[in-house]
């Protein structure tokens, strides 16, 4: 599991916006659309396409207490899922987070 932890932590640290997603997830599609609308390109790992996806999702659950996708990080900080992203967009805090990139 330490290989998975190292991989996930590196992805979070090297991508200003990191999105753990699944290809068939509607909330993931909405999160991707939100970032596209804001002209920012997140790093994305599609857990259902990744051979280590199940292990990555398990590690993310340990790290964030969140098992669902999307699982979003901005500037290394866990934002949460789509509802959190949407709320941050509505209250303006998402623009502040993205401005800091």
PDB file of N, CA and C in Angstrom:
ATOM      1  N   UNK A   1       0.824  -1.212   0.000  1.00  0.00           N
ATOM      2  CA  UNK A   1       0.000   0.000   0.000  1.00  0.00           C
ATOM      3  C   UNK A   1       0.861   1.266   0.000  1.00  0.00           C
ATOM      4  N   UNK A   2       2.140   1.145   0.435  1.00  0.00           N
ATOM      5  CA  UNK A   2       2.973   2.354   0.473  1.00  0.00           C
ATOM      6  C   UNK A   2       3.236   2.882  -0.937  1.00  0.00           C
ATOM      7  N   UNK A   3       3.287   1.995  -1.926  1.00  0.00           N
ATOM      8  CA  UNK A   3       3.434   2.436  -3.319  1.00  0.00           C
ATOM      9  C   UNK A   3       2.217   3.273  -3.730  1.00  0.00           C
ATOM     10  N   UNK A   4       1.029   2.838  -3.328  1.00  0.00           N
ATOM     11  CA  UNK A   4      -0.202   3.567  -3.652  1.00  0.00           C
ATOM     12  C   UNK A   4      -0.194   4.923  -2.954  1.00  0.00           C
ATOM     13  N   UNK A   5       0.159   4.919  -1.684  1.00  0.00           N
ATOM     14  CA  UNK A   5       0.225   6.174  -0.923  1.00  0.00           C
ATOM     15  C   UNK A   5       1.192   7.149  -1.598  1.00  0.00           C
ATOM     16  N   UNK A   6       2.380   6.667  -1.958  1.00  0.00           N
ATOM     17  CA  UNK A   6       3.374   7.524  -2.618  1.00  0.00           C
ATOM     18  C   UNK A   6       2.842   8.071  -3.945  1.00  0.00           C
ATOM     19  N   UNK A   7       2.183   7.205  -4.707  1.00  0.00           N
ATOM     20  CA  UNK A   7       1.644   7.634  -6.005  1.00  0.00           C
ATOM     21  C   UNK A   7       0.586   8.722  -5.824  1.00  0.00           C
ATOM     22  N   UNK A   8      -0.357   8.486  -4.911  1.00  0.00           N
ATOM     23  CA  UNK A   8      -1.440   9.450  -4.686  1.00  0.00           C
ATOM     24  C   UNK A   8      -0.877  10.774  -4.168  1.00  0.00           C
ATOM     25  N   UNK A   9       0.012  10.705  -3.190  1.00  0.00           N
ATOM     26  CA  UNK A   9       0.581  11.939  -2.625  1.00  0.00           C
ATOM     27  C   UNK A   9       1.353  12.726  -3.680  1.00  0.00           C
ATOM     28  N   UNK A  10       2.081  12.020  -4.544  1.00  0.00           N
ATOM     29  CA  UNK A  10       2.825  12.701  -5.610  1.00  0.00           C
ATOM     30  C   UNK A  10       1.858  13.379  -6.585  1.00  0.00           C
ATOM     31  N   UNK A  11       0.775  12.688  -6.943  1.00  0.00           N
ATOM     32  CA  UNK A  11      -0.229  13.283  -7.840  1.00  0.00           C
ATOM     33  C   UNK A  11      -0.827  14.548  -7.226  1.00  0.00           C
ATOM     34  N   UNK A  12      -1.141  14.485  -5.937  1.00  0.00           N
ATOM     35  CA  UNK A  12      -1.750  15.632  -5.256  1.00  0.00           C
ATOM     36  C   UNK A  12      -0.763  16.805  -5.194  1.00  0.00           C
ATOM     37  N   UNK A  13       0.510  16.504  -4.955  1.00  0.00           N
ATOM     38  CA  UNK A  13       1.516  17.569  -4.825  1.00  0.00           C
ATOM     39  C   UNK A  13       1.940  18.151  -6.169  1.00  0.00           C
ATOM     40  N   UNK A  14       1.923  17.338  -7.236  1.00  0.00           N
ATOM     41  CA  UNK A  14       2.430  17.825  -8.523  1.00  0.00           C
ATOM     42  C   UNK A  14       1.348  18.404  -9.425  1.00  0.00           C
ATOM     43  N   UNK A  15       0.082  18.207  -9.077  1.00  0.00           N
ATOM     44  CA  UNK A  15      -1.023  18.781  -9.855  1.00  0.00           C
ATOM     45  C   UNK A  15      -1.720  19.834  -9.010  1.00  0.00           C
ATOM     46  N   UNK A  16      -1.689  21.094  -9.436  1.00  0.00           N
ATOM     47  CA  UNK A  16      -2.355  22.140  -8.647  1.00  0.00           C
ATOM     48  C   UNK A  16      -3.820  21.797  -8.362  1.00  0.00           C
ATOM     49  N   UNK A  17      -4.475  21.146  -9.332  1.00  0.00           N
ATOM     50  CA  UNK A  17      -5.826  20.627  -9.116  1.00  0.00           C
ATOM     51  C   UNK A  17      -5.779  19.144  -9.454  1.00  0.00           C
ATOM     52  N   UNK A  18      -6.190  18.319  -8.509  1.00  0.00           N
ATOM     53  CA  UNK A  18      -6.175  16.871  -8.728  1.00  0.00           C
ATOM     54  C   UNK A  18      -7.574  16.330  -8.504  1.00  0.00           C
ATOM     55  N   UNK A  19      -8.052  15.600  -9.489  1.00  0.00           N
ATOM     56  CA  UNK A  19      -9.411  15.068  -9.480  1.00  0.00           C
ATOM     57  C   UNK A  19      -9.350  13.553  -9.629  1.00  0.00           C
ATOM     58  N   UNK A  20      -9.814  12.850  -8.610  1.00  0.00           N
ATOM     59  CA  UNK A  20      -9.957  11.401  -8.690  1.00  0.00           C
ATOM     60  C   UNK A  20     -11.399  11.149  -9.075  1.00  0.00           C
ATOM     61  N   UNK A  21     -11.601  10.419 -10.171  1.00  0.00           N
ATOM     62  CA  UNK A  21     -12.885  10.366 -10.850  1.00  0.00           C
ATOM     63  C   UNK A  21     -13.202   8.941 -11.291  1.00  0.00           C
ATOM     64  N   UNK A  22     -14.395   8.760 -11.807  1.00  0.00           N
ATOM     65  CA  UNK A  22     -14.765   7.539 -12.530  1.00  0.00           C
ATOM     66  C   UNK A  22     -15.461   7.966 -13.812  1.00  0.00           C
ATOM     67  N   UNK A  23     -15.197   7.240 -14.880  1.00  0.00           N
ATOM     68  CA  UNK A  23     -15.667   7.664 -16.204  1.00  0.00           C
ATOM     69  C   UNK A  23     -17.187   7.765 -16.295  1.00  0.00           C
ATOM     70  N   UNK A  24     -17.904   6.950 -15.534  1.00  0.00           N
ATOM     71  CA  UNK A  24     -19.373   6.901 -15.634  1.00  0.00           C
ATOM     72  C   UNK A  24     -20.084   7.766 -14.588  1.00  0.00           C
ATOM     73  N   UNK A  25     -19.334   8.488 -13.792  1.00  0.00           N
ATOM     74  CA  UNK A  25     -19.906   9.245 -12.666  1.00  0.00           C
ATOM     75  C   UNK A  25     -20.413  10.616 -13.123  1.00  0.00           C
ATOM     76  N   UNK A  26     -21.698  10.858 -12.935  1.00  0.00           N
ATOM     77  CA  UNK A  26     -22.293  12.134 -13.324  1.00  0.00           C
ATOM     78  C   UNK A  26     -21.743  13.324 -12.545  1.00  0.00           C
ATOM     79  N   UNK A  27     -21.497  13.132 -11.242  1.00  0.00           N
ATOM     80  CA  UNK A  27     -20.946  14.230 -10.443  1.00  0.00           C
ATOM     81  C   UNK A  27     -19.508  14.534 -10.855  1.00  0.00           C
ATOM     82  N   UNK A  28     -18.777  13.500 -11.285  1.00  0.00           N
ATOM     83  CA  UNK A  28     -17.415  13.708 -11.792  1.00  0.00           C
ATOM     84  C   UNK A  28     -17.463  14.545 -13.072  1.00  0.00           C
ATOM     85  N   UNK A  29     -18.419  14.233 -13.952  1.00  0.00           N
ATOM     86  CA  UNK A  29     -18.576  14.994 -15.196  1.00  0.00           C
ATOM     87  C   UNK A  29     -18.897  16.453 -14.885  1.00  0.00           C
ATOM     88  N   UNK A  30     -19.734  16.683 -13.868  1.00  0.00           N
ATOM     89  CA  UNK A  30     -20.064  18.060 -13.479  1.00  0.00           C
ATOM     90  C   UNK A  30     -18.823  18.781 -12.930  1.00  0.00           C
ATOM     91  N   UNK A  31     -18.008  18.072 -12.155  1.00  0.00           N
ATOM     92  CA  UNK A  31     -16.782  18.681 -11.618  1.00  0.00           C
ATOM     93  C   UNK A  31     -15.839  19.048 -12.756  1.00  0.00           C
ATOM     94  N   UNK A  32     -15.668  18.138 -13.720  1.00  0.00           N
ATOM     95  CA  UNK A  32     -14.803  18.414 -14.881  1.00  0.00           C
ATOM     96  C   UNK A  32     -15.327  19.622 -15.652  1.00  0.00           C
ATOM     97  N   UNK A  33     -16.651  19.696 -15.823  1.00  0.00           N
ATOM     98  CA  UNK A  33     -17.263  20.821 -16.537  1.00  0.00           C
ATOM     99  C   UNK A  33     -17.030  22.133 -15.787  1.00  0.00           C
ATOM    100  N   UNK A  34     -17.077  22.087 -14.462  1.00  0.00           N
ATOM    101  CA  UNK A  34     -16.831  23.285 -13.651  1.00  0.00           C
ATOM    102  C   UNK A  34     -15.410  23.796 -13.887  1.00  0.00           C
ATOM    103  N   UNK A  35     -14.438  22.897 -13.867  1.00  0.00           N
ATOM    104  CA  UNK A  35     -13.049  23.314 -14.091  1.00  0.00           C
ATOM    105  C   UNK A  35     -12.851  23.821 -15.518  1.00  0.00           C
ATOM    106  N   UNK A  36     -13.494  23.166 -16.488  1.00  0.00           N
ATOM    107  CA  UNK A  36     -13.384  23.607 -17.885  1.00  0.00           C
ATOM    108  C   UNK A  36     -13.946  25.020 -18.038  1.00  0.00           C
ATOM    109  N   UNK A  37     -15.084  25.263 -17.391  1.00  0.00           N
ATOM    110  CA  UNK A  37     -15.734  26.581 -17.418  1.00  0.00           C
ATOM    111  C   UNK A  37     -14.795  27.657 -16.850  1.00  0.00           C
ATOM    112  N   UNK A  38     -13.988  27.272 -15.865  1.00  0.00           N
ATOM    113  CA  UNK A  38     -13.050  28.203 -15.232  1.00  0.00           C
ATOM    114  C   UNK A  38     -11.691  28.220 -15.935  1.00  0.00           C
ATOM    115  N   UNK A  39     -11.609  27.506 -17.061  1.00  0.00           N
ATOM    116  CA  UNK A  39     -10.372  27.439 -17.859  1.00  0.00           C
ATOM    117  C   UNK A  39      -9.173  26.922 -17.075  1.00  0.00           C
ATOM    118  N   UNK A  40      -9.402  25.925 -16.250  1.00  0.00           N
ATOM    119  CA  UNK A  40      -8.299  25.269 -15.549  1.00  0.00           C
ATOM    120  C   UNK A  40      -8.344  23.784 -15.876  1.00  0.00           C
ATOM    121  N   UNK A  41      -7.168  23.204 -15.963  1.00  0.00           N
ATOM    122  CA  UNK A  41      -7.037  21.807 -16.364  1.00  0.00           C
ATOM    123  C   UNK A  41      -6.576  20.979 -15.174  1.00  0.00           C
ATOM    124  N   UNK A  42      -7.482  20.202 -14.582  1.00  0.00           N
ATOM    125  CA  UNK A  42      -7.066  19.378 -13.445  1.00  0.00           C
ATOM    126  C   UNK A  42      -6.291  18.146 -13.899  1.00  0.00           C
ATOM    127  N   UNK A  43      -5.451  17.633 -13.006  1.00  0.00           N
ATOM    128  CA  UNK A  43      -4.928  16.293 -13.204  1.00  0.00           C
ATOM    129  C   UNK A  43      -6.081  15.351 -12.900  1.00  0.00           C
ATOM    130  N   UNK A  44      -6.231  14.314 -13.694  1.00  0.00           N
ATOM    131  CA  UNK A  44      -7.365  13.403 -13.501  1.00  0.00           C
ATOM    132  C   UNK A  44      -6.872  11.958 -13.513  1.00  0.00           C
ATOM    133  N   UNK A  45      -7.330  11.205 -12.533  1.00  0.00           N
ATOM    134  CA  UNK A  45      -7.152   9.756 -12.554  1.00  0.00           C
ATOM    135  C   UNK A  45      -8.553   9.158 -12.564  1.00  0.00           C
ATOM    136  N   UNK A  46      -8.837   8.398 -13.621  1.00  0.00           N
ATOM    137  CA  UNK A  46     -10.113   7.689 -13.729  1.00  0.00           C
ATOM    138  C   UNK A  46      -9.939   6.350 -13.015  1.00  0.00           C
ATOM    139  N   UNK A  47     -10.486   6.243 -11.825  1.00  0.00           N
ATOM    140  CA  UNK A  47     -10.253   5.072 -10.989  1.00  0.00           C
ATOM    141  C   UNK A  47     -10.760   3.777 -11.618  1.00  0.00           C
ATOM    142  N   UNK A  48     -11.812   3.854 -12.422  1.00  0.00           N
ATOM    143  CA  UNK A  48     -12.327   2.644 -13.053  1.00  0.00           C
ATOM    144  C   UNK A  48     -11.490   2.204 -14.250  1.00  0.00           C
ATOM    145  N   UNK A  49     -10.627   3.075 -14.757  1.00  0.00           N
ATOM    146  CA  UNK A  49      -9.725   2.732 -15.869  1.00  0.00           C
ATOM    147  C   UNK A  49      -8.325   2.386 -15.388  1.00  0.00           C
ATOM    148  N   UNK A  50      -8.004   2.755 -14.167  1.00  0.00           N
ATOM    149  CA  UNK A  50      -6.652   2.569 -13.638  1.00  0.00           C
ATOM    150  C   UNK A  50      -6.545   1.188 -12.986  1.00  0.00           C
ATOM    151  N   UNK A  51      -5.501   0.413 -13.338  1.00  0.00           N
ATOM    152  CA  UNK A  51      -5.362  -0.916 -12.731  1.00  0.00           C
ATOM    153  C   UNK A  51      -5.243  -0.874 -11.198  1.00  0.00           C
ATOM    154  N   UNK A  52      -4.805   0.254 -10.656  1.00  0.00           N
ATOM    155  CA  UNK A  52      -4.679   0.400  -9.203  1.00  0.00           C
ATOM    156  C   UNK A  52      -5.830   1.209  -8.599  1.00  0.00           C
ATOM    157  N   UNK A  53      -6.875   1.429  -9.393  1.00  0.00           N
ATOM    158  CA  UNK A  53      -7.980   2.296  -8.981  1.00  0.00           C
ATOM    159  C   UNK A  53      -8.624   1.918  -7.664  1.00  0.00           C
ATOM    160  N   UNK A  54      -8.861   0.639  -7.444  1.00  0.00           N
ATOM    161  CA  UNK A  54      -9.493   0.194  -6.201  1.00  0.00           C
ATOM    162  C   UNK A  54      -8.606   0.523  -4.998  1.00  0.00           C
ATOM    163  N   UNK A  55      -7.305   0.256  -5.140  1.00  0.00           N
ATOM    164  CA  UNK A  55      -6.367   0.553  -4.050  1.00  0.00           C
ATOM    165  C   UNK A  55      -6.247   2.058  -3.815  1.00  0.00           C
ATOM    166  N   UNK A  56      -6.261   2.828  -4.894  1.00  0.00           N
ATOM    167  CA  UNK A  56      -6.197   4.291  -4.767  1.00  0.00           C
ATOM    168  C   UNK A  56      -7.432   4.788  -4.017  1.00  0.00           C
ATOM    169  N   UNK A  57      -8.596   4.257  -4.372  1.00  0.00           N
ATOM    170  CA  UNK A  57      -9.832   4.687  -3.714  1.00  0.00           C
ATOM    171  C   UNK A  57      -9.808   4.320  -2.226  1.00  0.00           C
ATOM    172  N   UNK A  58      -9.259   3.151  -1.907  1.00  0.00           N
ATOM    173  CA  UNK A  58      -9.126   2.749  -0.500  1.00  0.00           C
ATOM    174  C   UNK A  58      -8.212   3.712   0.260  1.00  0.00           C
ATOM    175  N   UNK A  59      -7.083   4.057  -0.349  1.00  0.00           N
ATOM    176  CA  UNK A  59      -6.155   4.993   0.306  1.00  0.00           C
ATOM    177  C   UNK A  59      -6.816   6.366   0.481  1.00  0.00           C
ATOM    178  N   UNK A  60      -7.530   6.825  -0.535  1.00  0.00           N
ATOM    179  CA  UNK A  60      -8.207   8.124  -0.429  1.00  0.00           C
ATOM    180  C   UNK A  60      -9.231   8.113   0.704  1.00  0.00           C
ATOM    181  N   UNK A  61      -9.903   6.983   0.898  1.00  0.00           N
ATOM    182  CA  UNK A  61     -10.867   6.873   1.988  1.00  0.00           C
ATOM    183  C   UNK A  61     -10.156   7.030   3.333  1.00  0.00           C
ATOM    184  N   UNK A  62      -8.995   6.369   3.461  1.00  0.00           N
ATOM    185  CA  UNK A  62      -8.194   6.510   4.690  1.00  0.00           C
ATOM    186  C   UNK A  62      -7.754   7.957   4.891  1.00  0.00           C
ATOM    187  N   UNK A  63      -7.286   8.573   3.814  1.00  0.00           N
ATOM    188  CA  UNK A  63      -6.721   9.924   3.883  1.00  0.00           C
ATOM    189  C   UNK A  63      -7.783  10.992   4.149  1.00  0.00           C
ATOM    190  N   UNK A  64      -8.942  10.852   3.505  1.00  0.00           N
ATOM    191  CA  UNK A  64      -9.924  11.946   3.511  1.00  0.00           C
ATOM    192  C   UNK A  64     -11.237  11.608   4.204  1.00  0.00           C
ATOM    193  N   UNK A  65     -11.424  10.343   4.540  1.00  0.00           N
ATOM    194  CA  UNK A  65     -12.704   9.891   5.096  1.00  0.00           C
ATOM    195  C   UNK A  65     -13.815   9.960   4.056  1.00  0.00           C
ATOM    196  N   UNK A  66     -13.449  10.042   2.791  1.00  0.00           N
ATOM    197  CA  UNK A  66     -14.422  10.127   1.701  1.00  0.00           C
ATOM    198  C   UNK A  66     -14.181   8.973   0.745  1.00  0.00           C
ATOM    199  N   UNK A  67     -15.186   8.151   0.547  1.00  0.00           N
ATOM    200  CA  UNK A  67     -15.045   7.008  -0.364  1.00  0.00           C
ATOM    201  C   UNK A  67     -15.571   7.346  -1.759  1.00  0.00           C
ATOM    202  N   UNK A  68     -16.412   8.351  -1.854  1.00  0.00           N
ATOM    203  CA  UNK A  68     -17.073   8.671  -3.121  1.00  0.00           C
ATOM    204  C   UNK A  68     -16.175   9.490  -4.039  1.00  0.00           C
ATOM    205  N   UNK A  69     -16.552   9.503  -5.317  1.00  0.00           N
ATOM    206  CA  UNK A  69     -15.906  10.354  -6.307  1.00  0.00           C
ATOM    207  C   UNK A  69     -16.942  11.351  -6.801  1.00  0.00           C
ATOM    208  N   UNK A  70     -16.508  12.513  -7.275  1.00  0.00           N
ATOM    209  CA  UNK A  70     -15.113  12.922  -7.383  1.00  0.00           C
ATOM    210  C   UNK A  70     -14.509  13.215  -6.014  1.00  0.00           C
ATOM    211  N   UNK A  71     -13.221  13.031  -5.950  1.00  0.00           N
ATOM    212  CA  UNK A  71     -12.458  13.375  -4.752  1.00  0.00           C
ATOM    213  C   UNK A  71     -11.450  14.409  -5.231  1.00  0.00           C
ATOM    214  N   UNK A  72     -11.600  15.640  -4.765  1.00  0.00           N
ATOM    215  CA  UNK A  72     -10.914  16.788  -5.362  1.00  0.00           C
ATOM    216  C   UNK A  72      -9.929  17.419  -4.380  1.00  0.00           C
ATOM    217  N   UNK A  73      -8.745  17.750  -4.914  1.00  0.00           N
ATOM    218  CA  UNK A  73      -7.716  18.462  -4.153  1.00  0.00           C
ATOM    219  C   UNK A  73      -7.306  19.689  -4.955  1.00  0.00           C
ATOM    220  N   UNK A  74      -7.167  20.817  -4.272  1.00  0.00           N
ATOM    221  CA  UNK A  74      -6.658  22.044  -4.896  1.00  0.00           C
ATOM    222  C   UNK A  74      -5.520  22.550  -4.027  1.00  0.00           C
ATOM    223  N   UNK A  75      -4.380  22.785  -4.661  1.00  0.00           N
ATOM    224  CA  UNK A  75      -3.173  23.219  -3.935  1.00  0.00           C
ATOM    225  C   UNK A  75      -2.832  22.276  -2.786  1.00  0.00           C
ATOM    226  N   UNK A  76      -3.021  20.979  -3.012  1.00  0.00           N
ATOM    227  CA  UNK A  76      -2.683  19.994  -2.000  1.00  0.00           C
ATOM    228  C   UNK A  76      -3.704  19.855  -0.886  1.00  0.00           C
ATOM    229  N   UNK A  77      -4.743  20.680  -0.906  1.00  0.00           N
ATOM    230  CA  UNK A  77      -5.757  20.670   0.156  1.00  0.00           C
ATOM    231  C   UNK A  77      -6.993  19.924  -0.334  1.00  0.00           C
ATOM    232  N   UNK A  78      -7.522  19.051   0.518  1.00  0.00           N
ATOM    233  CA  UNK A  78      -8.720  18.296   0.159  1.00  0.00           C
ATOM    234  C   UNK A  78      -9.930  19.223   0.155  1.00  0.00           C
ATOM    235  N   UNK A  79     -10.584  19.303  -0.994  1.00  0.00           N
ATOM    236  CA  UNK A  79     -11.781  20.134  -1.133  1.00  0.00           C
ATOM    237  C   UNK A  79     -13.030  19.301  -0.843  1.00  0.00           C
ATOM    238  N   UNK A  80     -13.020  18.048  -1.256  1.00  0.00           N
ATOM    239  CA  UNK A  80     -14.165  17.167  -1.058  1.00  0.00           C
ATOM    240  C   UNK A  80     -14.691  16.679  -2.387  1.00  0.00           C
ATOM    241  N   UNK A  81     -16.018  16.566  -2.480  1.00  0.00           N
ATOM    242  CA  UNK A  81     -16.662  16.088  -3.689  1.00  0.00           C
ATOM    243  C   UNK A  81     -17.312  17.216  -4.465  1.00  0.00           C
ATOM    244  N   UNK A  82     -18.219  16.836  -5.367  1.00  0.00           N
ATOM    245  CA  UNK A  82     -18.844  17.838  -6.220  1.00  0.00           C
ATOM    246  C   UNK A  82     -19.663  18.851  -5.426  1.00  0.00           C
ATOM    247  N   UNK A  83     -20.393  18.408  -4.416  1.00  0.00           N
ATOM    248  CA  UNK A  83     -21.201  19.353  -3.620  1.00  0.00           C
ATOM    249  C   UNK A  83     -20.315  20.426  -2.989  1.00  0.00           C
ATOM    250  N   UNK A  84     -19.147  20.013  -2.491  1.00  0.00           N
ATOM    251  CA  UNK A  84     -18.210  20.978  -1.895  1.00  0.00           C
ATOM    252  C   UNK A  84     -17.677  21.935  -2.956  1.00  0.00           C
ATOM    253  N   UNK A  85     -17.363  21.387  -4.141  1.00  0.00           N
ATOM    254  CA  UNK A  85     -16.859  22.208  -5.237  1.00  0.00           C
ATOM    255  C   UNK A  85     -17.912  23.222  -5.670  1.00  0.00           C
ATOM    256  N   UNK A  86     -19.138  22.755  -5.803  1.00  0.00           N
ATOM    257  CA  UNK A  86     -20.246  23.618  -6.218  1.00  0.00           C
ATOM    258  C   UNK A  86     -20.488  24.730  -5.193  1.00  0.00           C
ATOM    259  N   UNK A  87     -20.450  24.374  -3.915  1.00  0.00           N
ATOM    260  CA  UNK A  87     -20.639  25.375  -2.857  1.00  0.00           C
ATOM    261  C   UNK A  87     -19.506  26.398  -2.879  1.00  0.00           C
ATOM    262  N   UNK A  88     -18.281  25.935  -3.101  1.00  0.00           N
ATOM    263  CA  UNK A  88     -17.126  26.850  -3.161  1.00  0.00           C
ATOM    264  C   UNK A  88     -17.240  27.779  -4.368  1.00  0.00           C
ATOM    265  N   UNK A  89     -17.773  27.259  -5.468  1.00  0.00           N
ATOM    266  CA  UNK A  89     -17.975  28.105  -6.651  1.00  0.00           C
ATOM    267  C   UNK A  89     -19.033  29.165  -6.344  1.00  0.00           C
ATOM    268  N   UNK A  90     -20.112  28.747  -5.697  1.00  0.00           N
ATOM    269  CA  UNK A  90     -21.217  29.662  -5.389  1.00  0.00           C
ATOM    270  C   UNK A  90     -20.805  30.767  -4.431  1.00  0.00           C
ATOM    271  N   UNK A  91     -19.973  30.435  -3.437  1.00  0.00           N
ATOM    272  CA  UNK A  91     -19.600  31.472  -2.456  1.00  0.00           C
ATOM    273  C   UNK A  91     -18.330  32.237  -2.828  1.00  0.00           C
ATOM    274  N   UNK A  92     -17.749  31.917  -3.986  1.00  0.00           N
ATOM    275  CA  UNK A  92     -16.577  32.663  -4.460  1.00  0.00           C
ATOM    276  C   UNK A  92     -15.247  32.119  -3.977  1.00  0.00           C
ATOM    277  N   UNK A  93     -15.267  31.174  -3.035  1.00  0.00           N
ATOM    278  CA  UNK A  93     -13.988  30.680  -2.502  1.00  0.00           C
ATOM    279  C   UNK A  93     -13.224  29.836  -3.528  1.00  0.00           C
ATOM    280  N   UNK A  94     -13.937  29.230  -4.482  1.00  0.00           N
ATOM    281  CA  UNK A  94     -13.248  28.451  -5.521  1.00  0.00           C
ATOM    282  C   UNK A  94     -12.373  29.364  -6.375  1.00  0.00           C
ATOM    283  N   UNK A  95     -12.894  30.540  -6.729  1.00  0.00           N
ATOM    284  CA  UNK A  95     -12.085  31.495  -7.508  1.00  0.00           C
ATOM    285  C   UNK A  95     -10.837  31.903  -6.748  1.00  0.00           C
ATOM    286  N   UNK A  96     -10.963  32.076  -5.440  1.00  0.00           N
ATOM    287  CA  UNK A  96      -9.798  32.425  -4.622  1.00  0.00           C
ATOM    288  C   UNK A  96      -8.763  31.306  -4.618  1.00  0.00           C
ATOM    289  N   UNK A  97      -9.243  30.057  -4.500  1.00  0.00           N
ATOM    290  CA  UNK A  97      -8.328  28.909  -4.511  1.00  0.00           C
ATOM    291  C   UNK A  97      -7.608  28.807  -5.841  1.00  0.00           C
ATOM    292  N   UNK A  98      -8.345  29.018  -6.920  1.00  0.00           N
ATOM    293  CA  UNK A  98      -7.760  28.887  -8.270  1.00  0.00           C
ATOM    294  C   UNK A  98      -6.818  30.050  -8.567  1.00  0.00           C
ATOM    295  N   UNK A  99      -7.158  31.228  -8.070  1.00  0.00           N
ATOM    296  CA  UNK A  99      -6.280  32.395  -8.266  1.00  0.00           C
ATOM    297  C   UNK A  99      -4.906  32.149  -7.676  1.00  0.00           C
ATOM    298  N   UNK A 100      -4.874  31.375  -6.598  1.00  0.00           N
ATOM    299  CA  UNK A 100      -3.614  31.094  -5.900  1.00  0.00           C
ATOM    300  C   UNK A 100      -2.730  30.093  -6.647  1.00  0.00           C
ATOM    301  N   UNK A 101      -3.231  29.520  -7.751  1.00  0.00           N
ATOM    302  CA  UNK A 101      -2.442  28.530  -8.491  1.00  0.00           C
ATOM    303  C   UNK A 101      -1.301  29.156  -9.242  1.00  0.00           C
TER     304      UNK A 101
END
